[in-house]
Amino acid sequence: MVATYTVDGDSFQAAKPSIWSDTRFAPRRQRSFDLHPDGERFALAAAPDAQNIVKQDKVVFIFNFFDELRRLAPVAK
């Protein structure tokens, strides 16, 4: 929901709230948005379409992660 507002001295007047977007957004465990440093913009992740959901039935474990990282991307000397 979103509402326009006006401020007159110490008085705050909010207009009637309305629907901001018909798009469904992906729920997150923590904060569901990220604010741009300028404070004027923010980002949200749209929820995937029910038809496009990919079955996620695999887990990949990486043991000795830093050894593997050094093997894949060695530090130039």
PDB file of N, CA and C in Angstrom:
ATOM      1  N   MET A   1       0.843  -1.169   0.000  1.00  0.00           N
ATOM      2  CA  MET A   1       0.000   0.000   0.000  1.00  0.00           C
ATOM      3  C   MET A   1       0.894   1.240   0.000  1.00  0.00           C
ATOM      4  N   VAL A   2       0.335   2.334  -0.504  1.00  0.00           N
ATOM      5  CA  VAL A   2       1.050   3.604  -0.550  1.00  0.00           C
ATOM      6  C   VAL A   2       0.040   4.716  -0.291  1.00  0.00           C
ATOM      7  N   ALA A   3       0.524   5.788   0.300  1.00  0.00           N
ATOM      8  CA  ALA A   3      -0.341   6.943   0.547  1.00  0.00           C
ATOM      9  C   ALA A   3       0.480   8.213   0.393  1.00  0.00           C
ATOM     10  N   THR A   4      -0.089   9.180  -0.290  1.00  0.00           N
ATOM     11  CA  THR A   4       0.561  10.481  -0.357  1.00  0.00           C
ATOM     12  C   THR A   4       0.312  11.191   0.967  1.00  0.00           C
ATOM     13  N   TYR A   5       1.121  12.201   1.244  1.00  0.00           N
ATOM     14  CA  TYR A   5       0.954  12.925   2.505  1.00  0.00           C
ATOM     15  C   TYR A   5       1.401  14.369   2.344  1.00  0.00           C
ATOM     16  N   THR A   6       0.961  15.201   3.277  1.00  0.00           N
ATOM     17  CA  THR A   6       1.399  16.587   3.342  1.00  0.00           C
ATOM     18  C   THR A   6       1.808  16.885   4.777  1.00  0.00           C
ATOM     19  N   VAL A   7       2.734  17.798   4.921  1.00  0.00           N
ATOM     20  CA  VAL A   7       3.175  18.252   6.233  1.00  0.00           C
ATOM     21  C   VAL A   7       3.022  19.759   6.257  1.00  0.00           C
ATOM     22  N   ASP A   8       2.335  20.267   7.276  1.00  0.00           N
ATOM     23  CA  ASP A   8       2.136  21.708   7.437  1.00  0.00           C
ATOM     24  C   ASP A   8       2.497  22.049   8.876  1.00  0.00           C
ATOM     25  N   GLY A   9       3.714  22.541   9.092  1.00  0.00           N
ATOM     26  CA  GLY A   9       4.173  22.811  10.446  1.00  0.00           C
ATOM     27  C   GLY A   9       4.333  21.509  11.212  1.00  0.00           C
ATOM     28  N   ASP A  10       3.587  21.372  12.302  1.00  0.00           N
ATOM     29  CA  ASP A  10       3.619  20.149  13.100  1.00  0.00           C
ATOM     30  C   ASP A  10       2.516  19.182  12.708  1.00  0.00           C
ATOM     31  N   SER A  11       1.773  19.494  11.661  1.00  0.00           N
ATOM     32  CA  SER A  11       0.633  18.663  11.257  1.00  0.00           C
ATOM     33  C   SER A  11       1.016  17.738  10.098  1.00  0.00           C
ATOM     34  N   PHE A  12       0.646  16.485  10.237  1.00  0.00           N
ATOM     35  CA  PHE A  12       0.898  15.467   9.203  1.00  0.00           C
ATOM     36  C   PHE A  12      -0.458  14.948   8.738  1.00  0.00           C
ATOM     37  N   GLN A  13      -0.716  15.018   7.434  1.00  0.00           N
ATOM     38  CA  GLN A  13      -1.982  14.543   6.877  1.00  0.00           C
ATOM     39  C   GLN A  13      -1.698  13.508   5.795  1.00  0.00           C
ATOM     40  N   ALA A  14      -2.148  12.275   6.015  1.00  0.00           N
ATOM     41  CA  ALA A  14      -1.976  11.207   5.020  1.00  0.00           C
ATOM     42  C   ALA A  14      -3.272  11.040   4.252  1.00  0.00           C
ATOM     43  N   ALA A  15      -3.143  10.845   2.931  1.00  0.00           N
ATOM     44  CA  ALA A  15      -4.318  10.588   2.092  1.00  0.00           C
ATOM     45  C   ALA A  15      -4.730   9.128   2.250  1.00  0.00           C
ATOM     46  N   LYS A  16      -5.823   8.756   1.645  1.00  0.00           N
ATOM     47  CA  LYS A  16      -6.312   7.376   1.709  1.00  0.00           C
ATOM     48  C   LYS A  16      -5.301   6.447   1.026  1.00  0.00           C
ATOM     49  N   PRO A  17      -4.914   5.343   1.672  1.00  0.00           N
ATOM     50  CA  PRO A  17      -3.960   4.409   1.064  1.00  0.00           C
ATOM     51  C   PRO A  17      -4.545   3.737  -0.173  1.00  0.00           C
ATOM     52  N   SER A  18      -3.659   3.424  -1.093  1.00  0.00           N
ATOM     53  CA  SER A  18      -4.076   2.705  -2.307  1.00  0.00           C
ATOM     54  C   SER A  18      -3.063   1.602  -2.593  1.00  0.00           C
ATOM     55  N   ILE A  19      -3.423   0.694  -3.479  1.00  0.00           N
ATOM     56  CA  ILE A  19      -2.524  -0.407  -3.845  1.00  0.00           C
ATOM     57  C   ILE A  19      -1.350   0.163  -4.627  1.00  0.00           C
ATOM     58  N   TRP A  20      -0.142  -0.174  -4.192  1.00  0.00           N
ATOM     59  CA  TRP A  20       1.060   0.320  -4.849  1.00  0.00           C
ATOM     60  C   TRP A  20       1.388  -0.489  -6.096  1.00  0.00           C
ATOM     61  N   SER A  21       1.201  -1.815  -6.017  1.00  0.00           N
ATOM     62  CA  SER A  21       1.539  -2.675  -7.140  1.00  0.00           C
ATOM     63  C   SER A  21       0.714  -3.960  -7.072  1.00  0.00           C
ATOM     64  N   ASP A  22       0.334  -4.459  -8.230  1.00  0.00           N
ATOM     65  CA  ASP A  22      -0.376  -5.738  -8.297  1.00  0.00           C
ATOM     66  C   ASP A  22       0.590  -6.919  -8.305  1.00  0.00           C
ATOM     67  N   THR A  23       1.883  -6.639  -8.425  1.00  0.00           N
ATOM     68  CA  THR A  23       2.905  -7.679  -8.472  1.00  0.00           C
ATOM     69  C   THR A  23       3.099  -8.290  -7.089  1.00  0.00           C
ATOM     70  N   ARG A  24       3.261  -9.605  -7.035  1.00  0.00           N
ATOM     71  CA  ARG A  24       3.571 -10.276  -5.777  1.00  0.00           C
ATOM     72  C   ARG A  24       5.081 -10.271  -5.612  1.00  0.00           C
ATOM     73  N   PHE A  25       5.536 -10.099  -4.379  1.00  0.00           N
ATOM     74  CA  PHE A  25       6.958 -10.034  -4.108  1.00  0.00           C
ATOM     75  C   PHE A  25       7.398 -11.231  -3.286  1.00  0.00           C
ATOM     76  N   ALA A  26       8.633 -11.645  -3.505  1.00  0.00           N
ATOM     77  CA  ALA A  26       9.179 -12.817  -2.825  1.00  0.00           C
ATOM     78  C   ALA A  26       9.382 -12.509  -1.345  1.00  0.00           C
ATOM     79  N   PRO A  27       8.867 -13.368  -0.479  1.00  0.00           N
ATOM     80  CA  PRO A  27       9.086 -13.149   0.957  1.00  0.00           C
ATOM     81  C   PRO A  27      10.532 -13.464   1.331  1.00  0.00           C
ATOM     82  N   ARG A  28      11.043 -12.763   2.291  1.00  0.00           N
ATOM     83  CA  ARG A  28      12.399 -12.968   2.781  1.00  0.00           C
ATOM     84  C   ARG A  28      12.338 -13.183   4.290  1.00  0.00           C
ATOM     85  N   ARG A  29      13.348 -13.838   4.827  1.00  0.00           N
ATOM     86  CA  ARG A  29      13.380 -14.052   6.279  1.00  0.00           C
ATOM     87  C   ARG A  29      13.700 -12.769   7.022  1.00  0.00           C
ATOM     88  N   GLN A  30      14.555 -11.968   6.465  1.00  0.00           N
ATOM     89  CA  GLN A  30      14.927 -10.709   7.113  1.00  0.00           C
ATOM     90  C   GLN A  30      14.176  -9.575   6.423  1.00  0.00           C
ATOM     91  N   ARG A  31      14.865  -8.578   6.007  1.00  0.00           N
ATOM     92  CA  ARG A  31      14.276  -7.429   5.326  1.00  0.00           C
ATOM     93  C   ARG A  31      13.973  -7.813   3.882  1.00  0.00           C
ATOM     94  N   SER A  32      12.799  -7.468   3.391  1.00  0.00           N
ATOM     95  CA  SER A  32      12.384  -7.896   2.056  1.00  0.00           C
ATOM     96  C   SER A  32      12.681  -6.857   0.978  1.00  0.00           C
ATOM     97  N   PHE A  33      13.468  -5.843   1.289  1.00  0.00           N
ATOM     98  CA  PHE A  33      13.804  -4.821   0.305  1.00  0.00           C
ATOM     99  C   PHE A  33      15.205  -4.298   0.597  1.00  0.00           C
ATOM    100  N   ASP A  34      15.752  -3.541  -0.349  1.00  0.00           N
ATOM    101  CA  ASP A  34      17.031  -2.887  -0.126  1.00  0.00           C
ATOM    102  C   ASP A  34      16.905  -1.447  -0.595  1.00  0.00           C
ATOM    103  N   LEU A  35      17.355  -0.530   0.216  1.00  0.00           N
ATOM    104  CA  LEU A  35      17.246   0.890  -0.068  1.00  0.00           C
ATOM    105  C   LEU A  35      18.519   1.385  -0.736  1.00  0.00           C
ATOM    106  N   HIS A  36      18.369   2.174  -1.802  1.00  0.00           N
ATOM    107  CA  HIS A  36      19.501   2.779  -2.499  1.00  0.00           C
ATOM    108  C   HIS A  36      20.121   3.842  -1.594  1.00  0.00           C
ATOM    109  N   PRO A  37      21.440   4.051  -1.670  1.00  0.00           N
ATOM    110  CA  PRO A  37      22.074   5.055  -0.806  1.00  0.00           C
ATOM    111  C   PRO A  37      21.485   6.458  -0.936  1.00  0.00           C
ATOM    112  N   ASP A  38      20.894   6.801  -2.100  1.00  0.00           N
ATOM    113  CA  ASP A  38      20.328   8.148  -2.236  1.00  0.00           C
ATOM    114  C   ASP A  38      19.003   8.301  -1.483  1.00  0.00           C
ATOM    115  N   GLY A  39      18.447   7.194  -0.974  1.00  0.00           N
ATOM    116  CA  GLY A  39      17.209   7.251  -0.210  1.00  0.00           C
ATOM    117  C   GLY A  39      15.965   7.463  -1.044  1.00  0.00           C
ATOM    118  N   GLU A  40      16.114   7.515  -2.352  1.00  0.00           N
ATOM    119  CA  GLU A  40      14.986   7.781  -3.242  1.00  0.00           C
ATOM    120  C   GLU A  40      14.453   6.534  -3.938  1.00  0.00           C
ATOM    121  N   ARG A  41      15.248   5.466  -3.962  1.00  0.00           N
ATOM    122  CA  ARG A  41      14.864   4.251  -4.687  1.00  0.00           C
ATOM    123  C   ARG A  41      15.083   3.032  -3.821  1.00  0.00           C
ATOM    124  N   PHE A  42      14.403   1.952  -4.157  1.00  0.00           N
ATOM    125  CA  PHE A  42      14.593   0.700  -3.449  1.00  0.00           C
ATOM    126  C   PHE A  42      14.370  -0.454  -4.405  1.00  0.00           C
ATOM    127  N   ALA A  43      14.808  -1.622  -4.001  1.00  0.00           N
ATOM    128  CA  ALA A  43      14.696  -2.809  -4.847  1.00  0.00           C
ATOM    129  C   ALA A  43      13.929  -3.892  -4.099  1.00  0.00           C
ATOM    130  N   LEU A  44      13.077  -4.598  -4.845  1.00  0.00           N
ATOM    131  CA  LEU A  44      12.319  -5.740  -4.338  1.00  0.00           C
ATOM    132  C   LEU A  44      12.470  -6.874  -5.320  1.00  0.00           C
ATOM    133  N   ALA A  45      12.438  -8.102  -4.827  1.00  0.00           N
ATOM    134  CA  ALA A  45      12.491  -9.265  -5.713  1.00  0.00           C
ATOM    135  C   ALA A  45      11.060  -9.732  -5.981  1.00  0.00           C
ATOM    136  N   ALA A  46      10.703  -9.808  -7.247  1.00  0.00           N
ATOM    137  CA  ALA A  46       9.369 -10.299  -7.608  1.00  0.00           C
ATOM    138  C   ALA A  46       9.284 -11.792  -7.331  1.00  0.00           C
ATOM    139  N   ALA A  47       8.130 -12.228  -6.880  1.00  0.00           N
ATOM    140  CA  ALA A  47       7.913 -13.654  -6.630  1.00  0.00           C
ATOM    141  C   ALA A  47       7.886 -14.397  -7.958  1.00  0.00           C
ATOM    142  N   PRO A  48       8.434 -15.590  -8.016  1.00  0.00           N
ATOM    143  CA  PRO A  48       8.406 -16.351  -9.275  1.00  0.00           C
ATOM    144  C   PRO A  48       6.983 -16.784  -9.613  1.00  0.00           C
ATOM    145  N   ASP A  49       6.719 -16.897 -10.908  1.00  0.00           N
ATOM    146  CA  ASP A  49       5.422 -17.407 -11.353  1.00  0.00           C
ATOM    147  C   ASP A  49       5.300 -18.858 -10.939  1.00  0.00           C
ATOM    148  N   ALA A  50       4.110 -19.279 -10.583  1.00  0.00           N
ATOM    149  CA  ALA A  50       3.886 -20.669 -10.171  1.00  0.00           C
ATOM    150  C   ALA A  50       4.289 -21.636 -11.287  1.00  0.00           C
ATOM    151  N   GLN A  51       4.147 -21.219 -12.539  1.00  0.00           N
ATOM    152  CA  GLN A  51       4.467 -22.085 -13.677  1.00  0.00           C
ATOM    153  C   GLN A  51       5.978 -22.222 -13.871  1.00  0.00           C
ATOM    154  N   ASN A  52       6.738 -21.235 -13.408  1.00  0.00           N
ATOM    155  CA  ASN A  52       8.181 -21.221 -13.669  1.00  0.00           C
ATOM    156  C   ASN A  52       9.022 -21.670 -12.481  1.00  0.00           C
ATOM    157  N   ILE A  53       8.398 -22.196 -11.459  1.00  0.00           N
ATOM    158  CA  ILE A  53       9.151 -22.626 -10.287  1.00  0.00           C
ATOM    159  C   ILE A  53       9.944 -23.881 -10.621  1.00  0.00           C
ATOM    160  N   VAL A  54      11.236 -23.839 -10.331  1.00  0.00           N
ATOM    161  CA  VAL A  54      12.131 -24.948 -10.605  1.00  0.00           C
ATOM    162  C   VAL A  54      12.225 -25.815  -9.353  1.00  0.00           C
ATOM    163  N   LYS A  55      12.118 -27.106  -9.541  1.00  0.00           N
ATOM    164  CA  LYS A  55      12.241 -28.028  -8.415  1.00  0.00           C
ATOM    165  C   LYS A  55      13.682 -27.990  -7.908  1.00  0.00           C
ATOM    166  N   GLN A  56      13.837 -27.712  -6.626  1.00  0.00           N
ATOM    167  CA  GLN A  56      15.165 -27.639  -6.032  1.00  0.00           C
ATOM    168  C   GLN A  56      15.297 -28.805  -5.064  1.00  0.00           C
ATOM    169  N   ASP A  57      15.850 -29.910  -5.566  1.00  0.00           N
ATOM    170  CA  ASP A  57      15.935 -31.117  -4.765  1.00  0.00           C
ATOM    171  C   ASP A  57      17.366 -31.620  -4.596  1.00  0.00           C
ATOM    172  N   LYS A  58      18.345 -30.722  -4.755  1.00  0.00           N
ATOM    173  CA  LYS A  58      19.747 -31.099  -4.615  1.00  0.00           C
ATOM    174  C   LYS A  58      20.453 -30.103  -3.716  1.00  0.00           C
ATOM    175  N   VAL A  59      21.431 -30.598  -2.988  1.00  0.00           N
ATOM    176  CA  VAL A  59      22.279 -29.762  -2.147  1.00  0.00           C
ATOM    177  C   VAL A  59      23.720 -30.079  -2.502  1.00  0.00           C
ATOM    178  N   VAL A  60      24.547 -29.050  -2.637  1.00  0.00           N
ATOM    179  CA  VAL A  60      25.964 -29.230  -2.937  1.00  0.00           C
ATOM    180  C   VAL A  60      26.770 -28.779  -1.728  1.00  0.00           C
ATOM    181  N   PHE A  61      27.599 -29.675  -1.203  1.00  0.00           N
ATOM    182  CA  PHE A  61      28.489 -29.353  -0.100  1.00  0.00           C
ATOM    183  C   PHE A  61      29.893 -29.185  -0.663  1.00  0.00           C
ATOM    184  N   ILE A  62      30.578 -28.134  -0.248  1.00  0.00           N
ATOM    185  CA  ILE A  62      31.957 -27.924  -0.669  1.00  0.00           C
ATOM    186  C   ILE A  62      32.820 -27.993   0.576  1.00  0.00           C
ATOM    187  N   PHE A  63      33.622 -29.040   0.664  1.00  0.00           N
ATOM    188  CA  PHE A  63      34.546 -29.197   1.773  1.00  0.00           C
ATOM    189  C   PHE A  63      35.861 -28.541   1.399  1.00  0.00           C
ATOM    190  N   ASN A  64      36.579 -28.039   2.380  1.00  0.00           N
ATOM    191  CA  ASN A  64      37.854 -27.350   2.141  1.00  0.00           C
ATOM    192  C   ASN A  64      37.662 -26.228   1.126  1.00  0.00           C
ATOM    193  N   PHE A  65      36.688 -25.390   1.388  1.00  0.00           N
ATOM    194  CA  PHE A  65      36.290 -24.333   0.459  1.00  0.00           C
ATOM    195  C   PHE A  65      37.467 -23.468   0.022  1.00  0.00           C
ATOM    196  N   PHE A  66      38.288 -23.003   0.986  1.00  0.00           N
ATOM    197  CA  PHE A  66      39.369 -22.093   0.627  1.00  0.00           C
ATOM    198  C   PHE A  66      40.446 -22.787  -0.199  1.00  0.00           C
ATOM    199  N   ASP A  67      40.691 -24.064   0.046  1.00  0.00           N
ATOM    200  CA  ASP A  67      41.624 -24.812  -0.802  1.00  0.00           C
ATOM    201  C   ASP A  67      41.089 -24.887  -2.229  1.00  0.00           C
ATOM    202  N   GLU A  68      39.816 -25.151  -2.365  1.00  0.00           N
ATOM    203  CA  GLU A  68      39.197 -25.215  -3.686  1.00  0.00           C
ATOM    204  C   GLU A  68      39.234 -23.847  -4.367  1.00  0.00           C
ATOM    205  N   LEU A  69      38.999 -22.796  -3.602  1.00  0.00           N
ATOM    206  CA  LEU A  69      39.042 -21.454  -4.162  1.00  0.00           C
ATOM    207  C   LEU A  69      40.455 -21.109  -4.652  1.00  0.00           C
ATOM    208  N   ARG A  70      41.461 -21.459  -3.878  1.00  0.00           N
ATOM    209  CA  ARG A  70      42.860 -21.221  -4.294  1.00  0.00           C
ATOM    210  C   ARG A  70      43.192 -22.020  -5.560  1.00  0.00           C
ATOM    211  N   ARG A  71      42.646 -23.222  -5.680  1.00  0.00           N
ATOM    212  CA  ARG A  71      42.899 -24.045  -6.869  1.00  0.00           C
ATOM    213  C   ARG A  71      42.250 -23.405  -8.102  1.00  0.00           C
ATOM    214  N   LEU A  72      41.025 -22.899  -7.931  1.00  0.00           N
ATOM    215  CA  LEU A  72      40.295 -22.331  -9.069  1.00  0.00           C
ATOM    216  C   LEU A  72      40.784 -20.922  -9.444  1.00  0.00           C
ATOM    217  N   ALA A  73      41.183 -20.151  -8.451  1.00  0.00           N
ATOM    218  CA  ALA A  73      41.617 -18.775  -8.690  1.00  0.00           C
ATOM    219  C   ALA A  73      42.874 -18.477  -7.900  1.00  0.00           C
ATOM    220  N   PRO A  74      44.016 -18.982  -8.358  1.00  0.00           N
ATOM    221  CA  PRO A  74      45.254 -18.776  -7.614  1.00  0.00           C
ATOM    222  C   PRO A  74      45.628 -17.275  -7.575  1.00  0.00           C
ATOM    223  N   VAL A  75      46.248 -16.907  -6.486  1.00  0.00           N
ATOM    224  CA  VAL A  75      46.694 -15.529  -6.330  1.00  0.00           C
ATOM    225  C   VAL A  75      47.970 -15.334  -7.126  1.00  0.00           C
ATOM    226  N   ALA A  76      48.004 -14.304  -7.976  1.00  0.00           N
ATOM    227  CA  ALA A  76      49.202 -14.025  -8.777  1.00  0.00           C
ATOM    228  C   ALA A  76      50.289 -13.455  -7.886  1.00  0.00           C
ATOM    229  N   LYS A  77      51.508 -13.936  -8.050  1.00  0.00           N
ATOM    230  CA  LYS A  77      52.637 -13.456  -7.225  1.00  0.00           C
ATOM    231  C   LYS A  77      53.491 -12.499  -7.988  1.00  0.00           C
TER     232      LYS A  77
END
